[in-house]
Every structure is written in structure tokens, then in C-alpha cells.
Amino acid sequence: MNGVQVTAVCSDVELVTGTRAGQLARWRCDGGAVVHYLARDDQAGAHWTAHDAAVCAVDVLRSRHWLLSASADCTLRVWDLASNLLLQTLRGHDDQVSRIRIRLDHNHINTKLKRWKTASKRS
């Protein structure tokens, strides 16, 4: 995987990286093997891209098994780490999304300029 730009720790044995090419990959810490590439439904099996531009930030919400990725394509994407599926794409930024901050108390995701309300907690 070329051009790794950001990294987040998913668990004690796994981490995720985002690249300048818009890719997201889950890696095992004990050996460095790729566990899974995350891709949008329209990209699965093709180019394995998660975003149309560079991934600028990633964060993990362990309590919900979510990965959040922010990109220069002006989107924030919410991924389910249990299924490796894209749950939601948040649009509305006029420029790249370069930071993510998660507030657990009120089910909100804060980005550089916007505040997003997440879906209610899964049962």
C-alpha cells in the first residue's frame, strides 16, 4: 500500500491506514498482513477505494465497532468494522475534511466545521 497518510488503532491486534489514493486497509499488528481493504459498494472488487481523494483522518469508535474516515473529497464515511461495510456517507463540507472528533455522550461526530448526528445506538 503506497502513500500511507493516516493511521488509527482498531484493537490490540489491528490497525487501519488511509492513503493519498483514497484507500483504507485493515492490518494485523503481528506480522503486518492486510486483513481487509474497505471499499464503497460501487468500488468493491475494482480499485478498492474508500474515497475519491486522499484520506486525511481516521478514527475508531470501539463501542460501536465503527471506523470513521475523512477525506479531501469533502466527505466523512462511517464504516462497520464487524462487517467491513460502508454504513453512511456524510456530505456537506465545501472543502476537504481534515479532522474528526467523536463525542460519545450525544451520538455526535464533529468535523472541522460541521457537527453530524449519528444514527441511534444499535441493539
C-alpha atoms as a PDB file:
ATOM      1  CA  MET A   1       0.000   0.000   0.000  1.00  0.00           C
ATOM      2  CA  ASN A   2       1.607   3.205  -1.193  1.00  0.00           C
ATOM      3  CA  GLY A   3       1.350   6.680   0.275  1.00  0.00           C
ATOM      4  CA  VAL A   4       0.045   5.886   3.772  1.00  0.00           C
ATOM      5  CA  GLN A   5      -1.099   9.187   5.198  1.00  0.00           C
ATOM      6  CA  VAL A   6      -3.033   8.387   8.399  1.00  0.00           C
ATOM      7  CA  THR A   7      -3.277   5.522  10.910  1.00  0.00           C
ATOM      8  CA  ALA A   8      -5.647   4.562  13.732  1.00  0.00           C
ATOM      9  CA  VAL A   9      -5.599   1.629  16.147  1.00  0.00           C
ATOM     10  CA  CYS A  10      -8.691  -0.617  15.882  1.00  0.00           C
ATOM     11  CA  SER A  11      -7.814  -3.086  18.610  1.00  0.00           C
ATOM     12  CA  ASP A  12      -4.853  -4.651  20.374  1.00  0.00           C
ATOM     13  CA  VAL A  13      -4.061  -6.672  17.249  1.00  0.00           C
ATOM     14  CA  GLU A  14      -5.291  -4.498  14.388  1.00  0.00           C
ATOM     15  CA  LEU A  15      -4.864  -1.031  12.909  1.00  0.00           C
ATOM     16  CA  VAL A  16      -6.219   0.842   9.900  1.00  0.00           C
ATOM     17  CA  THR A  17      -4.396   3.038   7.412  1.00  0.00           C
ATOM     18  CA  GLY A  18      -5.628   5.594   4.911  1.00  0.00           C
ATOM     19  CA  THR A  19      -3.717   6.635   1.797  1.00  0.00           C
ATOM     20  CA  ARG A  20      -3.352   9.572  -0.569  1.00  0.00           C
ATOM     21  CA  ALA A  21      -5.068   7.394  -3.192  1.00  0.00           C
ATOM     22  CA  GLY A  22      -8.262   7.156  -1.098  1.00  0.00           C
ATOM     23  CA  GLN A  23      -7.713   3.596   0.132  1.00  0.00           C
ATOM     24  CA  LEU A  24      -8.429   2.222   3.597  1.00  0.00           C
ATOM     25  CA  ALA A  25      -6.854  -1.024   4.793  1.00  0.00           C
ATOM     26  CA  ARG A  26      -7.077  -3.032   7.998  1.00  0.00           C
ATOM     27  CA  TRP A  27      -3.759  -4.575   9.080  1.00  0.00           C
ATOM     28  CA  ARG A  28      -2.705  -7.172  11.642  1.00  0.00           C
ATOM     29  CA  CYS A  29      -0.116  -5.785  14.042  1.00  0.00           C
ATOM     30  CA  ASP A  30       1.577  -9.161  14.468  1.00  0.00           C
ATOM     31  CA  GLY A  31       3.098  -9.652  11.043  1.00  0.00           C
ATOM     32  CA  GLY A  32       1.813  -6.755   9.009  1.00  0.00           C
ATOM     33  CA  ALA A  33      -0.609  -8.640   6.770  1.00  0.00           C
ATOM     34  CA  VAL A  34      -3.589  -6.816   5.293  1.00  0.00           C
ATOM     35  CA  VAL A  35      -6.792  -8.200   6.821  1.00  0.00           C
ATOM     36  CA  HIS A  36      -9.218  -6.367   4.558  1.00  0.00           C
ATOM     37  CA  TYR A  37      -9.464  -3.419   2.180  1.00  0.00           C
ATOM     38  CA  LEU A  38     -12.520  -1.254   2.808  1.00  0.00           C
ATOM     39  CA  ALA A  39     -14.332  -0.127  -0.334  1.00  0.00           C
ATOM     40  CA  ARG A  40     -17.550   1.606  -1.266  1.00  0.00           C
ATOM     41  CA  ASP A  41     -20.191  -0.662  -2.788  1.00  0.00           C
ATOM     42  CA  ASP A  42     -19.519   0.778  -6.239  1.00  0.00           C
ATOM     43  CA  GLN A  43     -15.791   0.030  -5.859  1.00  0.00           C
ATOM     44  CA  ALA A  44     -15.764  -3.440  -4.308  1.00  0.00           C
ATOM     45  CA  GLY A  45     -13.593  -5.760  -6.329  1.00  0.00           C
ATOM     46  CA  ALA A  46     -12.470  -2.961  -8.630  1.00  0.00           C
ATOM     47  CA  HIS A  47      -9.978  -0.452  -7.290  1.00  0.00           C
ATOM     48  CA  TRP A  48     -10.748  -0.948  -3.604  1.00  0.00           C
ATOM     49  CA  THR A  49     -11.111   2.756  -2.949  1.00  0.00           C
ATOM     50  CA  ALA A  50     -12.941   4.110   0.041  1.00  0.00           C
ATOM     51  CA  HIS A  51     -12.800   7.766  -1.069  1.00  0.00           C
ATOM     52  CA  ASP A  52     -12.368   9.664  -4.339  1.00  0.00           C
ATOM     53  CA  ALA A  53      -9.390  11.597  -2.944  1.00  0.00           C
ATOM     54  CA  ALA A  54      -6.806  11.362  -0.147  1.00  0.00           C
ATOM     55  CA  VAL A  55      -7.863  10.050   3.253  1.00  0.00           C
ATOM     56  CA  CYS A  56      -6.993  12.884   5.654  1.00  0.00           C
ATOM     57  CA  ALA A  57      -8.118  11.462   9.018  1.00  0.00           C
ATOM     58  CA  VAL A  58      -9.323   8.198  10.531  1.00  0.00           C
ATOM     59  CA  ASP A  59     -10.704   7.389  13.946  1.00  0.00           C
ATOM     60  CA  VAL A  60     -12.265   4.345  15.604  1.00  0.00           C
ATOM     61  CA  LEU A  61     -15.335   4.259  17.812  1.00  0.00           C
ATOM     62  CA  ARG A  62     -14.718   0.899  19.500  1.00  0.00           C
ATOM     63  CA  SER A  63     -18.024   0.797  21.407  1.00  0.00           C
ATOM     64  CA  ARG A  64     -19.915   0.603  18.096  1.00  0.00           C
ATOM     65  CA  HIS A  65     -17.203  -1.109  16.026  1.00  0.00           C
ATOM     66  CA  TRP A  66     -17.141   1.894  13.682  1.00  0.00           C
ATOM     67  CA  LEU A  67     -14.320   3.347  11.669  1.00  0.00           C
ATOM     68  CA  LEU A  68     -14.693   6.959  10.561  1.00  0.00           C
ATOM     69  CA  SER A  69     -12.712   8.242   7.611  1.00  0.00           C
ATOM     70  CA  ALA A  70     -12.429  11.854   6.457  1.00  0.00           C
ATOM     71  CA  SER A  71     -11.228  12.853   3.033  1.00  0.00           C
ATOM     72  CA  ALA A  72     -10.126  15.540   0.609  1.00  0.00           C
ATOM     73  CA  ASP A  73     -13.222  14.523  -1.409  1.00  0.00           C
ATOM     74  CA  CYS A  74     -15.257  16.583   1.130  1.00  0.00           C
ATOM     75  CA  THR A  75     -16.907  13.528   2.726  1.00  0.00           C
ATOM     76  CA  LEU A  76     -16.913  11.703   6.027  1.00  0.00           C
ATOM     77  CA  ARG A  77     -17.640   7.973   5.830  1.00  0.00           C
ATOM     78  CA  VAL A  78     -18.795   5.672   8.626  1.00  0.00           C
ATOM     79  CA  TRP A  79     -17.727   2.009   8.292  1.00  0.00           C
ATOM     80  CA  ASP A  80     -18.852  -1.028  10.279  1.00  0.00           C
ATOM     81  CA  LEU A  81     -15.707  -2.906  11.304  1.00  0.00           C
ATOM     82  CA  ALA A  82     -17.684  -6.072  12.105  1.00  0.00           C
ATOM     83  CA  SER A  83     -18.917  -6.418   8.505  1.00  0.00           C
ATOM     84  CA  ASN A  84     -16.395  -4.136   6.699  1.00  0.00           C
ATOM     85  CA  LEU A  85     -19.347  -2.355   5.073  1.00  0.00           C
ATOM     86  CA  LEU A  86     -19.931   1.328   4.474  1.00  0.00           C
ATOM     87  CA  LEU A  87     -22.785   2.447   6.730  1.00  0.00           C
ATOM     88  CA  GLN A  88     -23.109   6.092   5.813  1.00  0.00           C
ATOM     89  CA  THR A  89     -21.546   8.875   3.748  1.00  0.00           C
ATOM     90  CA  LEU A  90     -21.860  12.358   5.221  1.00  0.00           C
ATOM     91  CA  ARG A  91     -21.701  15.171   2.669  1.00  0.00           C
ATOM     92  CA  GLY A  92     -21.891  18.918   3.147  1.00  0.00           C
ATOM     93  CA  HIS A  93     -18.356  20.206   3.511  1.00  0.00           C
ATOM     94  CA  ASP A  94     -17.147  22.691   0.907  1.00  0.00           C
ATOM     95  CA  ASP A  95     -13.518  21.674   1.371  1.00  0.00           C
ATOM     96  CA  GLN A  96     -11.564  18.628   2.470  1.00  0.00           C
ATOM     97  CA  VAL A  97     -12.414  17.106   5.837  1.00  0.00           C
ATOM     98  CA  SER A  98      -9.143  17.070   7.718  1.00  0.00           C
ATOM     99  CA  ARG A  99     -10.119  16.303  11.324  1.00  0.00           C
ATOM    100  CA  ILE A 100     -12.599  14.094  13.173  1.00  0.00           C
ATOM    101  CA  ARG A 101     -13.648  14.348  16.824  1.00  0.00           C
ATOM    102  CA  ILE A 102     -16.165  11.900  18.264  1.00  0.00           C
ATOM    103  CA  ARG A 103     -18.477  12.882  21.126  1.00  0.00           C
ATOM    104  CA  LEU A 104     -19.854   9.740  22.696  1.00  0.00           C
ATOM    105  CA  ASP A 105     -22.275  11.447  25.063  1.00  0.00           C
ATOM    106  CA  HIS A 106     -24.779  12.694  22.485  1.00  0.00           C
ATOM    107  CA  ASN A 107     -24.133  10.490  19.427  1.00  0.00           C
ATOM    108  CA  HIS A 108     -22.387  13.278  17.521  1.00  0.00           C
ATOM    109  CA  ILE A 109     -19.396  13.331  15.207  1.00  0.00           C
ATOM    110  CA  ASN A 110     -17.610  16.668  14.941  1.00  0.00           C
ATOM    111  CA  THR A 111     -15.506  17.535  11.923  1.00  0.00           C
ATOM    112  CA  LYS A 112     -13.589  20.715  11.241  1.00  0.00           C
ATOM    113  CA  LEU A 113     -16.678  22.871  10.642  1.00  0.00           C
ATOM    114  CA  LYS A 114     -19.742  20.650  10.965  1.00  0.00           C
ATOM    115  CA  ARG A 115     -21.459  18.593  13.622  1.00  0.00           C
ATOM    116  CA  TRP A 116     -23.154  15.371  12.484  1.00  0.00           C
ATOM    117  CA  LYS A 117     -25.776  13.419  14.439  1.00  0.00           C
ATOM    118  CA  THR A 118     -25.300   9.675  14.123  1.00  0.00           C
ATOM    119  CA  ALA A 119     -27.972   7.011  13.937  1.00  0.00           C
ATOM    120  CA  SER A 120     -29.282   5.717  17.242  1.00  0.00           C
ATOM    121  CA  LYS A 121     -27.247   3.046  19.003  1.00  0.00           C
ATOM    122  CA  ARG A 122     -27.582  -0.450  17.583  1.00  0.00           C
ATOM    123  CA  SER A 123     -29.358  -3.018  19.740  1.00  0.00           C
END
